[in-house]
Amino acid sequence: MNSITMSMNVDTLILQALREDVTSEDITTNAIMKGYQSGSVQLICKEDGIIAGLPVFERVFQLVDSKTEVTFFFNDGDHVHKGEVVAEIYGDIRSLLTSERTALNYLQRMSGIATYTRQTADLLKGTGIRLLDTRKTTPNMRVFEKYAVKVGGGYNHRYNLSDGILLKDNHIAAAGGIRQAVELAKEYASFVRKIEVEVENMDMVKEAVEAGADIIMLDNMSIDQMKEAVQYIQGRALTECSGNVTKENIAALASTGVDYISSGALTHSSKILDLSLKNLKAV
């Protein structure tokens, strides 16, 4: 979340979110606040977890009012505990009230993803296996959600369809088979692009290896099937397992010896981390 990423990608999305919440005015705040009044409010953690998205949280307030100042007592990736003050925000009380919900929506969502990712990644410690996210993200939230995965200790898979070649079942069917699909991909793409093939059984594994796939994704295969596949591949391609990966089954999946485990649950099933803005006062 550096300044270039913010200005080129994030600001536009935040402004869209703010416009969704304030179509013409914040009628409640305008009804009770007739003019400028400086004040402060505290960001309070209401449950234990991993904090993620503090730069985005701050940016929401600053886009509403550039004079708003935020003091953080933690950094992204830190473990926070129930009752701790994560930050204090200073500025025009009108701006603080208008910005509150949008800023919290981002921070709670991103912190929830980081927390779930950390819990899941911890289960892979010592295995050398990397935990990956997927493209199963909330529309217009991908930059935030994938950032949160990294903060939580996971790694990013493809960011979008331009980011890499992944031949799934429908691509393979459209091309007429794995060999044909890989050949067409190699002809079309630059040599610096890796080609990943999704497979569902040992016959497909063997065809993907013979076709020269760089990465083979073992999709929704049984533990025994994946172990057999990894043994057959023997390092001739990187291996990734995918399909309904959760905290509950990831240890068993790790026993297969794959290089990567990808989980859509990191972004589509993480609950928010409960955070709140409290103790508003005039200063």
Foldseek 3Di string as FASTA:
>chain_A
DDPCCCVVANVVLLVVVLCVQCVDHPVVLVVVDVDFFKWKWWKFFAAKFFWDDPVVLVVLLCVLPVPKDKDAPDDGLDIDGGGDTGIMIIDGVSSCVSSFPSSQVLGQQLGLLLGQLLLQVVLCPPLLAAEEEDCLADVSCLVSLQRSNVSSPHHYDASDPVRAAEQEPVNQVVQVHLLSSLVVCVVPDDPVGAHEYEDAADVNLVVNLVSQHQEYEHEPYDLVRLLVSCVVCVPSHAYEYEYPDHSVCVNSNSVSVHRYYYYNCSHPPGGTRDMHIDDMDTD
